[in-house]
Amino acid sequence: MYEVTDKIRLLRTEQKLTLKDLSEKTGLSVSFLSQVERGSSSLAITSLKKIADALEVPITDFFNDFSNYNYLVKVSDQKPFRIEGSTAEYIRLGGEFSGRMLEPLLVTLTNGEPYDKVFSHPGEEFYYVLEGVVLFTIDGKEYIVKAGDSIHFPSHVPHHWENPLQNDAKVLCVLTPVLF
């Protein structure tokens, strides 16, 4: 089983791409990509997504432990993970198959921690709050979404979220395009 950095290097060399070629396809610098392949630089999920897209593989190819090649995802196969720079815990809920377009996740937002980074990207997002309260800011407007409420919006609109309370919030999240 390859580490993420080894898998990037393997896929790049299999496709006969130089670091410069990969840099041009991703918009990431040659020196950064070189550091990533050597394991001397950390890699944000957004950068990994750019690399996966450039190499024309699903991002899940880099996470063998999270791969599920069945339609059914049993509780015992659901592995929590975190994204660099975020305190949220994610669990993939979707199966793994060719042409998959939805990314269903169970997200736990820790208590009272603001997440100030604003996102804007292609796709759409749907959230259903299972427990707690989540404050979404979408295009500058705040929405308080409580347990049992849902919110659905295009991802290109600037947005971010936070858990304003002291208790954790659990959210069912369905995104496009597939990220993980």
Protein backbone atom coordinates (compact mmCIF):
# COMPACT_ATOMS: atom_id res chain seq x y z
CA MET A 1 0.00 0.00 0.00
CA TYR A 2 1.45 3.36 -1.04
CA GLU A 3 1.53 6.50 1.06
CA VAL A 4 -0.15 9.52 -0.54
CA THR A 5 3.17 11.00 -1.68
CA ASP A 6 4.34 7.72 -3.20
CA LYS A 7 1.02 7.33 -5.01
CA ILE A 8 1.30 10.84 -6.50
CA ARG A 9 4.82 10.14 -7.78
CA LEU A 10 3.79 6.72 -9.14
CA LEU A 11 0.78 8.08 -11.03
CA ARG A 12 2.75 11.04 -12.38
CA THR A 13 5.59 8.86 -13.67
CA GLU A 14 3.17 6.25 -15.09
CA GLN A 15 1.57 9.05 -17.10
CA LYS A 16 5.04 10.23 -18.19
CA LEU A 17 4.47 13.66 -16.68
CA THR A 18 7.29 15.82 -15.35
CA LEU A 19 6.86 17.92 -12.23
CA LYS A 20 6.62 20.91 -14.58
CA ASP A 21 3.78 19.23 -16.50
CA LEU A 22 1.92 18.54 -13.26
CA SER A 23 2.57 22.09 -12.11
CA GLU A 24 1.00 23.48 -15.28
CA LYS A 25 -2.06 21.23 -14.89
CA THR A 26 -2.61 22.05 -11.20
CA GLY A 27 -1.39 25.63 -10.82
CA LEU A 28 0.84 24.42 -7.96
CA SER A 29 4.55 25.28 -8.07
CA VAL A 30 7.17 22.75 -9.16
CA SER A 31 9.05 23.21 -5.88
CA PHE A 32 5.89 22.57 -3.84
CA LEU A 33 5.07 19.43 -5.84
CA SER A 34 8.64 18.22 -5.41
CA GLN A 35 8.40 18.74 -1.64
CA VAL A 36 5.07 16.88 -1.57
CA GLU A 37 6.52 13.90 -3.44
CA ARG A 38 9.48 13.81 -1.05
CA GLY A 39 7.11 14.00 1.92
CA SER A 40 8.72 17.19 3.20
CA SER A 41 5.61 19.38 2.82
CA SER A 42 2.10 18.93 4.15
CA LEU A 43 -0.69 18.77 1.62
CA ALA A 44 -4.09 20.47 1.98
CA ILE A 45 -7.09 18.55 0.68
CA THR A 46 -7.71 21.29 -1.93
CA SER A 47 -4.20 20.81 -3.34
CA LEU A 48 -4.65 17.04 -3.33
CA LYS A 49 -7.92 17.48 -5.24
CA LYS A 50 -6.10 19.57 -7.89
CA ILE A 51 -3.46 16.84 -8.22
CA ALA A 52 -6.10 14.09 -8.45
CA ASP A 53 -7.95 16.02 -11.17
CA ALA A 54 -4.72 16.62 -13.10
CA LEU A 55 -3.85 12.92 -12.86
CA GLU A 56 -7.45 12.03 -13.78
CA VAL A 57 -8.06 9.81 -10.76
CA PRO A 58 -10.63 10.07 -7.96
CA ILE A 59 -9.15 11.57 -4.81
CA THR A 60 -10.07 8.35 -2.97
CA ASP A 61 -7.26 6.60 -4.87
CA PHE A 62 -4.87 8.27 -2.42
CA PHE A 63 -6.69 6.87 0.62
CA ASN A 64 -6.75 3.11 0.32
CA ASP A 65 -8.14 2.79 3.85
CA PHE A 66 -11.24 4.76 2.81
CA SER A 67 -11.93 2.93 -0.43
CA ASN A 68 -15.15 0.99 -0.69
CA TYR A 69 -15.77 -0.82 -3.94
CA ASN A 70 -19.28 -1.85 -2.94
CA TYR A 71 -22.58 -0.02 -2.93
CA LEU A 72 -23.15 -0.81 0.75
CA VAL A 73 -21.11 1.05 3.36
CA LYS A 74 -21.32 -0.74 6.68
CA VAL A 75 -20.77 1.08 9.97
CA SER A 76 -17.65 -1.01 10.52
CA ASP A 77 -16.19 0.38 7.25
CA GLN A 78 -16.82 4.04 8.08
CA LYS A 79 -13.50 5.60 9.03
CA PRO A 80 -13.40 9.14 10.48
CA PHE A 81 -10.83 11.57 9.10
CA ARG A 82 -9.96 15.25 9.37
CA ILE A 83 -8.99 17.80 6.76
CA GLU A 84 -5.89 19.89 7.40
CA GLY A 85 -6.84 23.25 8.90
CA SER A 86 -10.28 22.09 10.06
CA THR A 87 -11.43 20.79 13.44
CA ALA A 88 -14.41 19.02 11.84
CA GLU A 89 -14.47 15.21 11.69
CA TYR A 90 -15.70 13.63 8.44
CA ILE A 91 -16.97 10.13 7.68
CA ARG A 92 -17.52 9.03 4.07
CA LEU A 93 -20.95 7.45 3.64
CA GLY A 94 -20.95 6.80 -0.11
CA GLY A 95 -20.07 3.72 -2.05
CA GLU A 96 -17.26 3.65 -4.58
CA PHE A 97 -18.09 3.16 -8.23
CA SER A 98 -17.24 4.65 -11.60
CA GLY A 99 -19.07 7.85 -12.51
CA ARG A 100 -20.06 8.68 -8.93
CA MET A 101 -21.17 12.33 -8.70
CA LEU A 102 -22.37 12.76 -5.10
CA GLU A 103 -20.22 12.90 -1.96
CA PRO A 104 -22.33 11.98 1.11
CA LEU A 105 -20.60 12.65 4.43
CA LEU A 106 -21.39 12.62 8.12
CA VAL A 107 -19.72 15.67 9.65
CA THR A 108 -19.19 16.42 13.33
CA LEU A 109 -18.48 20.09 14.02
CA THR A 110 -16.76 20.61 17.34
CA ASN A 111 -18.26 22.89 19.89
CA GLY A 112 -18.04 26.61 19.49
CA GLU A 113 -15.11 26.66 17.09
CA PRO A 114 -15.51 29.22 14.29
CA TYR A 115 -14.44 28.20 10.83
CA ASP A 116 -13.74 31.49 9.13
CA LYS A 117 -12.37 30.26 5.80
CA VAL A 118 -14.80 31.20 3.03
CA PHE A 119 -15.25 28.72 0.18
CA SER A 120 -16.41 29.17 -3.39
CA HIS A 121 -16.13 26.33 -5.90
CA PRO A 122 -18.16 24.47 -8.56
CA GLY A 123 -20.99 22.18 -7.53
CA GLU A 124 -23.76 22.25 -4.97
CA GLU A 125 -24.13 21.42 -1.29
CA PHE A 126 -26.93 19.98 0.84
CA TYR A 127 -26.82 19.81 4.63
CA TYR A 128 -29.29 18.21 7.05
CA VAL A 129 -28.57 18.92 10.72
CA LEU A 130 -29.00 15.76 12.79
CA GLU A 131 -27.92 17.20 16.17
CA GLY A 132 -27.09 20.67 17.41
CA VAL A 133 -27.06 23.95 15.51
CA VAL A 134 -24.93 25.15 12.60
CA LEU A 135 -24.54 28.75 11.49
CA PHE A 136 -24.10 28.97 7.72
CA THR A 137 -23.02 32.22 6.09
CA ILE A 138 -23.89 32.14 2.40
CA ASP A 139 -23.15 35.15 0.23
CA GLY A 140 -22.93 37.29 3.38
CA LYS A 141 -26.32 36.21 4.78
CA GLU A 142 -26.50 34.13 7.98
CA TYR A 143 -28.74 31.08 8.33
CA ILE A 144 -29.24 29.30 11.65
CA VAL A 145 -29.87 25.64 10.84
CA LYS A 146 -31.15 23.54 13.76
CA ALA A 147 -31.63 19.80 14.18
CA GLY A 148 -34.22 18.67 11.63
CA ASP A 149 -33.60 21.67 9.33
CA SER A 150 -31.77 21.52 6.01
CA ILE A 151 -30.06 23.95 3.68
CA HIS A 152 -29.16 23.52 -0.01
CA PHE A 153 -27.18 25.99 -2.13
CA PRO A 154 -24.84 26.29 -5.14
CA SER A 155 -21.21 25.98 -4.08
CA HIS A 156 -20.02 28.88 -6.26
CA VAL A 157 -21.70 31.29 -3.82
CA PRO A 158 -19.16 32.32 -1.11
CA HIS A 159 -19.95 30.32 2.03
CA HIS A 160 -18.69 29.05 5.37
CA TRP A 161 -20.10 27.40 8.47
CA GLU A 162 -19.53 27.16 12.18
CA ASN A 163 -20.96 25.58 15.30
CA PRO A 164 -21.99 28.50 17.55
CA LEU A 165 -22.84 26.34 20.57
CA GLN A 166 -20.82 24.43 23.18
CA ASN A 167 -22.15 21.01 22.10
CA ASP A 168 -20.96 19.19 18.98
CA ALA A 169 -23.19 19.36 15.90
CA LYS A 170 -23.73 16.37 13.60
CA VAL A 171 -24.61 17.06 9.99
CA LEU A 172 -25.48 14.88 7.00
CA CYS A 173 -23.76 16.56 4.08
CA VAL A 174 -24.12 15.75 0.37
CA LEU A 175 -21.78 17.56 -2.04
CA THR A 176 -20.98 17.71 -5.70
CA PRO A 177 -18.53 17.19 -7.21
CA VAL A 178 -16.98 14.21 -5.48
CA LEU A 179 -14.08 15.42 -3.32
CA PHE A 180 -12.85 12.39 -1.40
